[in-house]
């Protein structure tokens, strides 16, 4: 498991004192903000979507770990078709990327 701030994370709206932005958006938990999400004018919709994706990251990582364990268990009981082998490699690669591993 990576050493990220534990979830759940939520979208936080606050006043960014540094930029005097009354509608700054961040993602965080009771342990603090884990990301500031830039949004301005035409980027407002993308900023909100990015905040939602970042906020979901801890749960997405957990579900990838569960899916990877399930696929691995199924593979030990059955002969894997090549598509499932590729899915398993992709799951492991996504987890490694989230954890900052090559």
PDB file of N, CA and C in Angstrom:
ATOM      1  N   UNK A   1       0.849  -1.187   0.000  1.00  0.00           N
ATOM      2  CA  UNK A   1       0.000   0.000   0.000  1.00  0.00           C
ATOM      3  C   UNK A   1       0.880   1.231   0.000  1.00  0.00           C
ATOM      4  N   UNK A   2       0.500   2.197  -0.802  1.00  0.00           N
ATOM      5  CA  UNK A   2       1.261   3.444  -0.856  1.00  0.00           C
ATOM      6  C   UNK A   2       1.032   4.256   0.407  1.00  0.00           C
ATOM      7  N   UNK A   3       1.816   5.273   0.575  1.00  0.00           N
ATOM      8  CA  UNK A   3       1.760   6.072   1.794  1.00  0.00           C
ATOM      9  C   UNK A   3       0.946   7.353   1.599  1.00  0.00           C
ATOM     10  N   UNK A   4      -0.083   7.306   0.778  1.00  0.00           N
ATOM     11  CA  UNK A   4      -0.918   8.486   0.564  1.00  0.00           C
ATOM     12  C   UNK A   4      -1.808   8.752   1.786  1.00  0.00           C
ATOM     13  N   UNK A   5      -2.369   9.941   1.822  1.00  0.00           N
ATOM     14  CA  UNK A   5      -3.317  10.282   2.876  1.00  0.00           C
ATOM     15  C   UNK A   5      -4.493   9.322   2.787  1.00  0.00           C
ATOM     16  N   UNK A   6      -4.843   8.673   3.882  1.00  0.00           N
ATOM     17  CA  UNK A   6      -5.947   7.712   3.834  1.00  0.00           C
ATOM     18  C   UNK A   6      -7.260   8.376   3.405  1.00  0.00           C
ATOM     19  N   UNK A   7      -8.072   7.627   2.682  1.00  0.00           N
ATOM     20  CA  UNK A   7      -9.385   8.105   2.310  1.00  0.00           C
ATOM     21  C   UNK A   7     -10.353   7.887   3.447  1.00  0.00           C
ATOM     22  N   UNK A   8     -11.585   8.215   3.299  1.00  0.00           N
ATOM     23  CA  UNK A   8     -12.146   8.794   2.078  1.00  0.00           C
ATOM     24  C   UNK A   8     -11.742  10.249   1.903  1.00  0.00           C
ATOM     25  N   UNK A   9     -11.677  10.656   0.646  1.00  0.00           N
ATOM     26  CA  UNK A   9     -11.416  12.041   0.303  1.00  0.00           C
ATOM     27  C   UNK A   9     -12.721  12.655  -0.156  1.00  0.00           C
ATOM     28  N   UNK A  10     -12.843  13.959   0.017  1.00  0.00           N
ATOM     29  CA  UNK A  10     -14.044  14.660  -0.418  1.00  0.00           C
ATOM     30  C   UNK A  10     -13.652  15.963  -1.113  1.00  0.00           C
ATOM     31  N   UNK A  11     -14.573  16.487  -1.875  1.00  0.00           N
ATOM     32  CA  UNK A  11     -14.355  17.762  -2.554  1.00  0.00           C
ATOM     33  C   UNK A  11     -14.614  18.871  -1.546  1.00  0.00           C
ATOM     34  N   UNK A  12     -13.671  19.786  -1.459  1.00  0.00           N
ATOM     35  CA  UNK A  12     -13.758  20.897  -0.523  1.00  0.00           C
ATOM     36  C   UNK A  12     -13.820  22.203  -1.308  1.00  0.00           C
ATOM     37  N   UNK A  13     -14.739  23.053  -0.959  1.00  0.00           N
ATOM     38  CA  UNK A  13     -14.799  24.388  -1.566  1.00  0.00           C
ATOM     39  C   UNK A  13     -14.433  25.368  -0.471  1.00  0.00           C
ATOM     40  N   UNK A  14     -13.515  26.262  -0.785  1.00  0.00           N
ATOM     41  CA  UNK A  14     -13.009  27.183   0.219  1.00  0.00           C
ATOM     42  C   UNK A  14     -12.512  28.454  -0.460  1.00  0.00           C
ATOM     43  N   UNK A  15     -12.187  29.426   0.330  1.00  0.00           N
ATOM     44  CA  UNK A  15     -11.618  30.667  -0.188  1.00  0.00           C
ATOM     45  C   UNK A  15     -10.106  30.521  -0.166  1.00  0.00           C
ATOM     46  N   UNK A  16      -9.491  30.608  -1.336  1.00  0.00           N
ATOM     47  CA  UNK A  16      -8.044  30.536  -1.446  1.00  0.00           C
ATOM     48  C   UNK A  16      -7.487  31.924  -1.145  1.00  0.00           C
ATOM     49  N   UNK A  17      -6.963  32.112   0.044  1.00  0.00           N
ATOM     50  CA  UNK A  17      -6.490  33.428   0.487  1.00  0.00           C
ATOM     51  C   UNK A  17      -5.353  33.920  -0.387  1.00  0.00           C
ATOM     52  N   UNK A  18      -4.484  33.029  -0.810  1.00  0.00           N
ATOM     53  CA  UNK A  18      -3.326  33.419  -1.619  1.00  0.00           C
ATOM     54  C   UNK A  18      -3.759  34.106  -2.915  1.00  0.00           C
ATOM     55  N   UNK A  19      -4.756  33.546  -3.583  1.00  0.00           N
ATOM     56  CA  UNK A  19      -5.219  34.106  -4.854  1.00  0.00           C
ATOM     57  C   UNK A  19      -6.510  34.900  -4.711  1.00  0.00           C
ATOM     58  N   UNK A  20      -7.024  34.986  -3.486  1.00  0.00           N
ATOM     59  CA  UNK A  20      -8.295  35.653  -3.217  1.00  0.00           C
ATOM     60  C   UNK A  20      -9.412  35.086  -4.083  1.00  0.00           C
ATOM     61  N   UNK A  21      -9.391  33.782  -4.253  1.00  0.00           N
ATOM     62  CA  UNK A  21     -10.402  33.086  -5.046  1.00  0.00           C
ATOM     63  C   UNK A  21     -11.474  32.568  -4.094  1.00  0.00           C
ATOM     64  N   UNK A  22     -12.687  33.126  -4.153  1.00  0.00           N
ATOM     65  CA  UNK A  22     -13.726  32.715  -3.209  1.00  0.00           C
ATOM     66  C   UNK A  22     -14.299  31.331  -3.487  1.00  0.00           C
ATOM     67  N   UNK A  23     -14.000  30.743  -4.627  1.00  0.00           N
ATOM     68  CA  UNK A  23     -14.564  29.445  -4.969  1.00  0.00           C
ATOM     69  C   UNK A  23     -13.461  28.467  -5.349  1.00  0.00           C
ATOM     70  N   UNK A  24     -12.402  28.421  -4.546  1.00  0.00           N
ATOM     71  CA  UNK A  24     -11.335  27.467  -4.813  1.00  0.00           C
ATOM     72  C   UNK A  24     -11.857  26.058  -4.538  1.00  0.00           C
ATOM     73  N   UNK A  25     -11.297  25.093  -5.226  1.00  0.00           N
ATOM     74  CA  UNK A  25     -11.717  23.707  -5.060  1.00  0.00           C
ATOM     75  C   UNK A  25     -10.491  22.874  -4.722  1.00  0.00           C
ATOM     76  N   UNK A  26     -10.659  22.047  -3.739  1.00  0.00           N
ATOM     77  CA  UNK A  26      -9.598  21.128  -3.365  1.00  0.00           C
ATOM     78  C   UNK A  26     -10.195  19.776  -3.050  1.00  0.00           C
ATOM     79  N   UNK A  27      -9.309  18.838  -2.812  1.00  0.00           N
ATOM     80  CA  UNK A  27      -9.724  17.501  -2.414  1.00  0.00           C
ATOM     81  C   UNK A  27      -8.946  17.165  -1.161  1.00  0.00           C
ATOM     82  N   UNK A  28      -9.641  16.629  -0.179  1.00  0.00           N
ATOM     83  CA  UNK A  28      -8.950  16.296   1.050  1.00  0.00           C
ATOM     84  C   UNK A  28      -9.777  15.467   1.989  1.00  0.00           C
ATOM     85  N   UNK A  29      -9.251  15.365   3.202  1.00  0.00           N
ATOM     86  CA  UNK A  29      -9.912  14.596   4.252  1.00  0.00           C
ATOM     87  C   UNK A  29      -9.750  15.376   5.540  1.00  0.00           C
ATOM     88  N   UNK A  30     -10.118  14.750   6.634  1.00  0.00           N
ATOM     89  CA  UNK A  30      -9.940  15.429   7.909  1.00  0.00           C
ATOM     90  C   UNK A  30      -8.460  15.600   8.250  1.00  0.00           C
ATOM     91  N   UNK A  31      -7.581  14.996   7.450  1.00  0.00           N
ATOM     92  CA  UNK A  31      -6.139  15.151   7.658  1.00  0.00           C
ATOM     93  C   UNK A  31      -5.576  16.319   6.849  1.00  0.00           C
ATOM     94  N   UNK A  32      -6.425  16.978   6.052  1.00  0.00           N
ATOM     95  CA  UNK A  32      -5.978  18.137   5.289  1.00  0.00           C
ATOM     96  C   UNK A  32      -6.235  17.995   3.800  1.00  0.00           C
ATOM     97  N   UNK A  33      -5.841  19.031   3.072  1.00  0.00           N
ATOM     98  CA  UNK A  33      -6.034  19.050   1.616  1.00  0.00           C
ATOM     99  C   UNK A  33      -4.943  18.210   0.954  1.00  0.00           C
ATOM    100  N   UNK A  34      -5.340  17.339   0.038  1.00  0.00           N
ATOM    101  CA  UNK A  34      -4.377  16.522  -0.698  1.00  0.00           C
ATOM    102  C   UNK A  34      -4.132  17.067  -2.102  1.00  0.00           C
ATOM    103  N   UNK A  35      -5.043  17.916  -2.604  1.00  0.00           N
ATOM    104  CA  UNK A  35      -4.865  18.491  -3.940  1.00  0.00           C
ATOM    105  C   UNK A  35      -5.696  19.756  -4.083  1.00  0.00           C
ATOM    106  N   UNK A  36      -5.094  20.763  -4.693  1.00  0.00           N
ATOM    107  CA  UNK A  36      -5.845  21.928  -5.142  1.00  0.00           C
ATOM    108  C   UNK A  36      -6.202  21.678  -6.598  1.00  0.00           C
ATOM    109  N   UNK A  37      -7.419  21.974  -6.975  1.00  0.00           N
ATOM    110  CA  UNK A  37      -7.860  21.742  -8.345  1.00  0.00           C
ATOM    111  C   UNK A  37      -8.090  23.087  -9.009  1.00  0.00           C
ATOM    112  N   UNK A  38      -7.352  23.318 -10.080  1.00  0.00           N
ATOM    113  CA  UNK A  38      -7.455  24.585 -10.790  1.00  0.00           C
ATOM    114  C   UNK A  38      -8.742  24.617 -11.590  1.00  0.00           C
ATOM    115  N   UNK A  39      -9.472  25.689 -11.444  1.00  0.00           N
ATOM    116  CA  UNK A  39     -10.653  25.884 -12.281  1.00  0.00           C
ATOM    117  C   UNK A  39     -10.873  27.373 -12.433  1.00  0.00           C
ATOM    118  N   UNK A  40     -11.089  27.781 -13.644  1.00  0.00           N
ATOM    119  CA  UNK A  40     -11.234  29.199 -13.913  1.00  0.00           C
ATOM    120  C   UNK A  40     -11.999  29.364 -15.228  1.00  0.00           C
ATOM    121  N   UNK A  41     -13.107  30.019 -15.168  1.00  0.00           N
ATOM    122  CA  UNK A  41     -13.862  30.312 -16.392  1.00  0.00           C
ATOM    123  C   UNK A  41     -14.206  29.076 -17.179  1.00  0.00           C
ATOM    124  N   UNK A  42     -13.611  28.948 -18.375  1.00  0.00           N
ATOM    125  CA  UNK A  42     -13.943  27.829 -19.267  1.00  0.00           C
ATOM    126  C   UNK A  42     -13.511  26.485 -18.691  1.00  0.00           C
ATOM    127  N   UNK A  43     -12.606  26.487 -17.725  1.00  0.00           N
ATOM    128  CA  UNK A  43     -12.141  25.236 -17.145  1.00  0.00           C
ATOM    129  C   UNK A  43     -12.981  24.796 -15.948  1.00  0.00           C
ATOM    130  N   UNK A  44     -14.035  25.524 -15.626  1.00  0.00           N
ATOM    131  CA  UNK A  44     -14.803  25.211 -14.429  1.00  0.00           C
ATOM    132  C   UNK A  44     -15.373  23.795 -14.461  1.00  0.00           C
ATOM    133  N   UNK A  45     -15.956  23.397 -15.568  1.00  0.00           N
ATOM    134  CA  UNK A  45     -16.536  22.054 -15.660  1.00  0.00           C
ATOM    135  C   UNK A  45     -15.451  20.991 -15.542  1.00  0.00           C
ATOM    136  N   UNK A  46     -14.317  21.200 -16.219  1.00  0.00           N
ATOM    137  CA  UNK A  46     -13.208  20.242 -16.125  1.00  0.00           C
ATOM    138  C   UNK A  46     -12.643  20.220 -14.712  1.00  0.00           C
ATOM    139  N   UNK A  47     -12.563  21.373 -14.058  1.00  0.00           N
ATOM    140  CA  UNK A  47     -12.062  21.417 -12.688  1.00  0.00           C
ATOM    141  C   UNK A  47     -12.925  20.604 -11.751  1.00  0.00           C
ATOM    142  N   UNK A  48     -14.229  20.726 -11.880  1.00  0.00           N
ATOM    143  CA  UNK A  48     -15.143  19.943 -11.043  1.00  0.00           C
ATOM    144  C   UNK A  48     -14.996  18.447 -11.335  1.00  0.00           C
ATOM    145  N   UNK A  49     -14.883  18.091 -12.621  1.00  0.00           N
ATOM    146  CA  UNK A  49     -14.721  16.682 -12.989  1.00  0.00           C
ATOM    147  C   UNK A  49     -13.398  16.131 -12.461  1.00  0.00           C
ATOM    148  N   UNK A  50     -12.338  16.923 -12.541  1.00  0.00           N
ATOM    149  CA  UNK A  50     -11.037  16.496 -12.021  1.00  0.00           C
ATOM    150  C   UNK A  50     -11.103  16.292 -10.515  1.00  0.00           C
ATOM    151  N   UNK A  51     -11.778  17.187  -9.815  1.00  0.00           N
ATOM    152  CA  UNK A  51     -11.918  17.067  -8.361  1.00  0.00           C
ATOM    153  C   UNK A  51     -12.656  15.770  -8.005  1.00  0.00           C
ATOM    154  N   UNK A  52     -13.694  15.433  -8.759  1.00  0.00           N
ATOM    155  CA  UNK A  52     -14.445  14.198  -8.500  1.00  0.00           C
ATOM    156  C   UNK A  52     -13.567  12.969  -8.708  1.00  0.00           C
ATOM    157  N   UNK A  53     -12.761  12.989  -9.772  1.00  0.00           N
ATOM    158  CA  UNK A  53     -11.881  11.859 -10.054  1.00  0.00           C
ATOM    159  C   UNK A  53     -10.816  11.707  -8.966  1.00  0.00           C
ATOM    160  N   UNK A  54     -10.214  12.815  -8.560  1.00  0.00           N
ATOM    161  CA  UNK A  54      -9.198  12.767  -7.504  1.00  0.00           C
ATOM    162  C   UNK A  54      -9.822  12.280  -6.197  1.00  0.00           C
ATOM    163  N   UNK A  55     -11.009  12.779  -5.867  1.00  0.00           N
ATOM    164  CA  UNK A  55     -11.673  12.379  -4.624  1.00  0.00           C
ATOM    165  C   UNK A  55     -11.972  10.881  -4.596  1.00  0.00           C
ATOM    166  N   UNK A  56     -12.201  10.294  -5.755  1.00  0.00           N
ATOM    167  CA  UNK A  56     -12.518   8.863  -5.833  1.00  0.00           C
ATOM    168  C   UNK A  56     -11.272   7.978  -5.803  1.00  0.00           C
ATOM    169  N   UNK A  57     -10.089   8.560  -5.907  1.00  0.00           N
ATOM    170  CA  UNK A  57      -8.854   7.781  -6.046  1.00  0.00           C
ATOM    171  C   UNK A  57      -8.646   6.720  -4.966  1.00  0.00           C
ATOM    172  N   UNK A  58      -8.803   7.022  -3.672  1.00  0.00           N
ATOM    173  CA  UNK A  58      -8.573   5.958  -2.684  1.00  0.00           C
ATOM    174  C   UNK A  58      -9.503   4.754  -2.868  1.00  0.00           C
ATOM    175  N   UNK A  59     -10.773   5.016  -3.173  1.00  0.00           N
ATOM    176  CA  UNK A  59     -11.718   3.913  -3.386  1.00  0.00           C
ATOM    177  C   UNK A  59     -11.393   3.154  -4.672  1.00  0.00           C
ATOM    178  N   UNK A  60     -10.991   3.873  -5.712  1.00  0.00           N
ATOM    179  CA  UNK A  60     -10.626   3.220  -6.966  1.00  0.00           C
ATOM    180  C   UNK A  60      -9.421   2.305  -6.759  1.00  0.00           C
ATOM    181  N   UNK A  61      -8.421   2.781  -6.019  1.00  0.00           N
ATOM    182  CA  UNK A  61      -7.246   1.956  -5.739  1.00  0.00           C
ATOM    183  C   UNK A  61      -7.650   0.705  -4.957  1.00  0.00           C
ATOM    184  N   UNK A  62      -8.481   0.884  -3.952  1.00  0.00           N
ATOM    185  CA  UNK A  62      -8.920  -0.267  -3.152  1.00  0.00           C
ATOM    186  C   UNK A  62      -9.650  -1.290  -4.027  1.00  0.00           C
ATOM    187  N   UNK A  63     -10.526  -0.813  -4.910  1.00  0.00           N
ATOM    188  CA  UNK A  63     -11.269  -1.729  -5.769  1.00  0.00           C
ATOM    189  C   UNK A  63     -10.360  -2.419  -6.781  1.00  0.00           C
ATOM    190  N   UNK A  64      -9.334  -1.716  -7.258  1.00  0.00           N
ATOM    191  CA  UNK A  64      -8.368  -2.367  -8.150  1.00  0.00           C
ATOM    192  C   UNK A  64      -7.633  -3.486  -7.416  1.00  0.00           C
ATOM    193  N   UNK A  65      -7.268  -3.226  -6.168  1.00  0.00           N
ATOM    194  CA  UNK A  65      -6.591  -4.262  -5.381  1.00  0.00           C
ATOM    195  C   UNK A  65      -7.493  -5.470  -5.188  1.00  0.00           C
ATOM    196  N   UNK A  66      -8.766  -5.240  -4.898  1.00  0.00           N
ATOM    197  CA  UNK A  66      -9.727  -6.338  -4.734  1.00  0.00           C
ATOM    198  C   UNK A  66      -9.907  -7.089  -6.050  1.00  0.00           C
ATOM    199  N   UNK A  67     -10.065  -6.341  -7.143  1.00  0.00           N
ATOM    200  CA  UNK A  67     -10.242  -6.977  -8.457  1.00  0.00           C
ATOM    201  C   UNK A  67      -9.007  -7.793  -8.832  1.00  0.00           C
ATOM    202  N   UNK A  68      -7.831  -7.238  -8.559  1.00  0.00           N
ATOM    203  CA  UNK A  68      -6.595  -7.962  -8.867  1.00  0.00           C
ATOM    204  C   UNK A  68      -6.493  -9.262  -8.088  1.00  0.00           C
ATOM    205  N   UNK A  69      -6.846  -9.216  -6.806  1.00  0.00           N
ATOM    206  CA  UNK A  69      -6.807 -10.430  -5.982  1.00  0.00           C
ATOM    207  C   UNK A  69      -7.812 -11.454  -6.493  1.00  0.00           C
ATOM    208  N   UNK A  70      -8.993 -10.978  -6.900  1.00  0.00           N
ATOM    209  CA  UNK A  70     -10.022 -11.880  -7.417  1.00  0.00           C
ATOM    210  C   UNK A  70      -9.572 -12.538  -8.715  1.00  0.00           C
ATOM    211  N   UNK A  71      -9.034 -11.737  -9.624  1.00  0.00           N
ATOM    212  CA  UNK A  71      -8.585 -12.278 -10.909  1.00  0.00           C
ATOM    213  C   UNK A  71      -7.431 -13.260 -10.695  1.00  0.00           C
ATOM    214  N   UNK A  72      -6.523 -12.928  -9.773  1.00  0.00           N
ATOM    215  CA  UNK A  72      -5.409 -13.830  -9.479  1.00  0.00           C
ATOM    216  C   UNK A  72      -5.925 -15.163  -8.927  1.00  0.00           C
ATOM    217  N   UNK A  73      -6.889 -15.094  -8.013  1.00  0.00           N
ATOM    218  CA  UNK A  73      -7.474 -16.311  -7.437  1.00  0.00           C
ATOM    219  C   UNK A  73      -8.159 -17.148  -8.519  1.00  0.00           C
ATOM    220  N   UNK A  74      -8.897 -16.495  -9.391  1.00  0.00           N
ATOM    221  CA  UNK A  74      -9.572 -17.214 -10.478  1.00  0.00           C
ATOM    222  C   UNK A  74      -8.545 -17.864 -11.392  1.00  0.00           C
ATOM    223  N   UNK A  75      -7.444 -17.192 -11.605  1.00  0.00           N
ATOM    224  CA  UNK A  75      -6.397 -17.733 -12.471  1.00  0.00           C
ATOM    225  C   UNK A  75      -5.723 -18.950 -11.879  1.00  0.00           C
ATOM    226  N   UNK A  76      -5.664 -19.016 -10.558  1.00  0.00           N
ATOM    227  CA  UNK A  76      -5.035 -20.182  -9.933  1.00  0.00           C
ATOM    228  C   UNK A  76      -5.946 -21.404 -10.012  1.00  0.00           C
ATOM    229  N   UNK A  77      -7.250 -21.176 -10.203  1.00  0.00           N
ATOM    230  CA  UNK A  77      -8.205 -22.279 -10.285  1.00  0.00           C
ATOM    231  C   UNK A  77      -8.506 -22.711 -11.718  1.00  0.00           C
ATOM    232  N   UNK A  78      -8.293 -21.811 -12.665  1.00  0.00           N
ATOM    233  CA  UNK A  78      -8.653 -22.074 -14.058  1.00  0.00           C
ATOM    234  C   UNK A  78      -7.519 -21.645 -14.972  1.00  0.00           C
ATOM    235  N   UNK A  79      -7.549 -22.154 -16.158  1.00  0.00           N
ATOM    236  CA  UNK A  79      -6.604 -21.699 -17.170  1.00  0.00           C
ATOM    237  C   UNK A  79      -7.108 -20.370 -17.726  1.00  0.00           C
ATOM    238  N   UNK A  80      -6.274 -19.355 -17.672  1.00  0.00           N
ATOM    239  CA  UNK A  80      -6.679 -18.017 -18.111  1.00  0.00           C
ATOM    240  C   UNK A  80      -6.674 -17.881 -19.623  1.00  0.00           C
ATOM    241  N   UNK A  81      -7.728 -17.301 -20.193  1.00  0.00           N
ATOM    242  CA  UNK A  81      -7.622 -16.847 -21.583  1.00  0.00           C
ATOM    243  C   UNK A  81      -6.656 -15.661 -21.631  1.00  0.00           C
ATOM    244  N   UNK A  82      -6.066 -15.422 -22.765  1.00  0.00           N
ATOM    245  CA  UNK A  82      -5.063 -14.356 -22.870  1.00  0.00           C
ATOM    246  C   UNK A  82      -5.643 -12.990 -22.516  1.00  0.00           C
ATOM    247  N   UNK A  83      -6.917 -12.750 -22.773  1.00  0.00           N
ATOM    248  CA  UNK A  83      -7.529 -11.453 -22.448  1.00  0.00           C
ATOM    249  C   UNK A  83      -7.530 -11.218 -20.941  1.00  0.00           C
ATOM    250  N   UNK A  84      -7.783 -12.255 -20.154  1.00  0.00           N
ATOM    251  CA  UNK A  84      -7.779 -12.103 -18.697  1.00  0.00           C
ATOM    252  C   UNK A  84      -6.363 -11.887 -18.195  1.00  0.00           C
ATOM    253  N   UNK A  85      -5.393 -12.564 -18.793  1.00  0.00           N
ATOM    254  CA  UNK A  85      -3.995 -12.328 -18.420  1.00  0.00           C
ATOM    255  C   UNK A  85      -3.627 -10.871 -18.658  1.00  0.00           C
ATOM    256  N   UNK A  86      -4.054 -10.335 -19.782  1.00  0.00           N
ATOM    257  CA  UNK A  86      -3.766  -8.930 -20.086  1.00  0.00           C
ATOM    258  C   UNK A  86      -4.483  -8.005 -19.100  1.00  0.00           C
ATOM    259  N   UNK A  87      -5.741  -8.318 -18.763  1.00  0.00           N
ATOM    260  CA  UNK A  87      -6.464  -7.516 -17.768  1.00  0.00           C
ATOM    261  C   UNK A  87      -5.727  -7.525 -16.434  1.00  0.00           C
ATOM    262  N   UNK A  88      -5.249  -8.691 -16.023  1.00  0.00           N
ATOM    263  CA  UNK A  88      -4.534  -8.793 -14.750  1.00  0.00           C
ATOM    264  C   UNK A  88      -3.248  -7.948 -14.786  1.00  0.00           C
ATOM    265  N   UNK A  89      -2.511  -8.034 -15.883  1.00  0.00           N
ATOM    266  CA  UNK A  89      -1.294  -7.204 -16.015  1.00  0.00           C
ATOM    267  C   UNK A  89      -1.652  -5.720 -15.960  1.00  0.00           C
ATOM    268  N   UNK A  90      -2.745  -5.325 -16.590  1.00  0.00           N
ATOM    269  CA  UNK A  90      -3.166  -3.919 -16.586  1.00  0.00           C
ATOM    270  C   UNK A  90      -3.594  -3.466 -15.182  1.00  0.00           C
ATOM    271  N   UNK A  91      -4.266  -4.331 -14.447  1.00  0.00           N
ATOM    272  CA  UNK A  91      -4.649  -4.016 -13.061  1.00  0.00           C
ATOM    273  C   UNK A  91      -3.394  -3.802 -12.229  1.00  0.00           C
ATOM    274  N   UNK A  92      -2.432  -4.728 -12.332  1.00  0.00           N
ATOM    275  CA  UNK A  92      -1.190  -4.611 -11.558  1.00  0.00           C
ATOM    276  C   UNK A  92      -0.423  -3.348 -11.957  1.00  0.00           C
ATOM    277  N   UNK A  93      -0.412  -3.016 -13.243  1.00  0.00           N
ATOM    278  CA  UNK A  93       0.298  -1.812 -13.705  1.00  0.00           C
ATOM    279  C   UNK A  93      -0.360  -0.554 -13.170  1.00  0.00           C
ATOM    280  N   UNK A  94      -1.689  -0.527 -13.123  1.00  0.00           N
ATOM    281  CA  UNK A  94      -2.407   0.649 -12.598  1.00  0.00           C
ATOM    282  C   UNK A  94      -2.138   0.822 -11.111  1.00  0.00           C
ATOM    283  N   UNK A  95      -2.112  -0.276 -10.372  1.00  0.00           N
ATOM    284  CA  UNK A  95      -1.811  -0.208  -8.932  1.00  0.00           C
ATOM    285  C   UNK A  95      -0.383   0.285  -8.730  1.00  0.00           C
ATOM    286  N   UNK A  96       0.549  -0.232  -9.493  1.00  0.00           N
ATOM    287  CA  UNK A  96       1.944   0.204  -9.378  1.00  0.00           C
ATOM    288  C   UNK A  96       2.073   1.701  -9.684  1.00  0.00           C
ATOM    289  N   UNK A  97       1.373   2.163 -10.698  1.00  0.00           N
ATOM    290  CA  UNK A  97       1.409   3.588 -11.051  1.00  0.00           C
ATOM    291  C   UNK A  97       0.860   4.435  -9.898  1.00  0.00           C
ATOM    292  N   UNK A  98      -0.241   4.001  -9.302  1.00  0.00           N
ATOM    293  CA  UNK A  98      -0.834   4.739  -8.183  1.00  0.00           C
ATOM    294  C   UNK A  98       0.106   4.765  -6.983  1.00  0.00           C
ATOM    295  N   UNK A  99       0.905   3.729  -6.833  1.00  0.00           N
ATOM    296  CA  UNK A  99       1.823   3.648  -5.709  1.00  0.00           C
ATOM    297  C   UNK A  99       3.205   4.220  -6.026  1.00  0.00           C
ATOM    298  N   UNK A 100       3.379   4.721  -7.255  1.00  0.00           N
ATOM    299  CA  UNK A 100       4.656   5.325  -7.629  1.00  0.00           C
ATOM    300  C   UNK A 100       5.759   4.327  -7.910  1.00  0.00           C
ATOM    301  N   UNK A 101       5.364   3.122  -8.303  1.00  0.00           N
ATOM    302  CA  UNK A 101       6.349   2.094  -8.638  1.00  0.00           C
ATOM    303  C   UNK A 101       6.411   1.946 -10.153  1.00  0.00           C
ATOM    304  N   UNK A 102       7.564   1.487 -10.665  1.00  0.00           N
ATOM    305  CA  UNK A 102       7.671   1.268 -12.128  1.00  0.00           C
ATOM    306  C   UNK A 102       6.828   0.110 -12.607  1.00  0.00           C
TER     307      UNK A 102
END
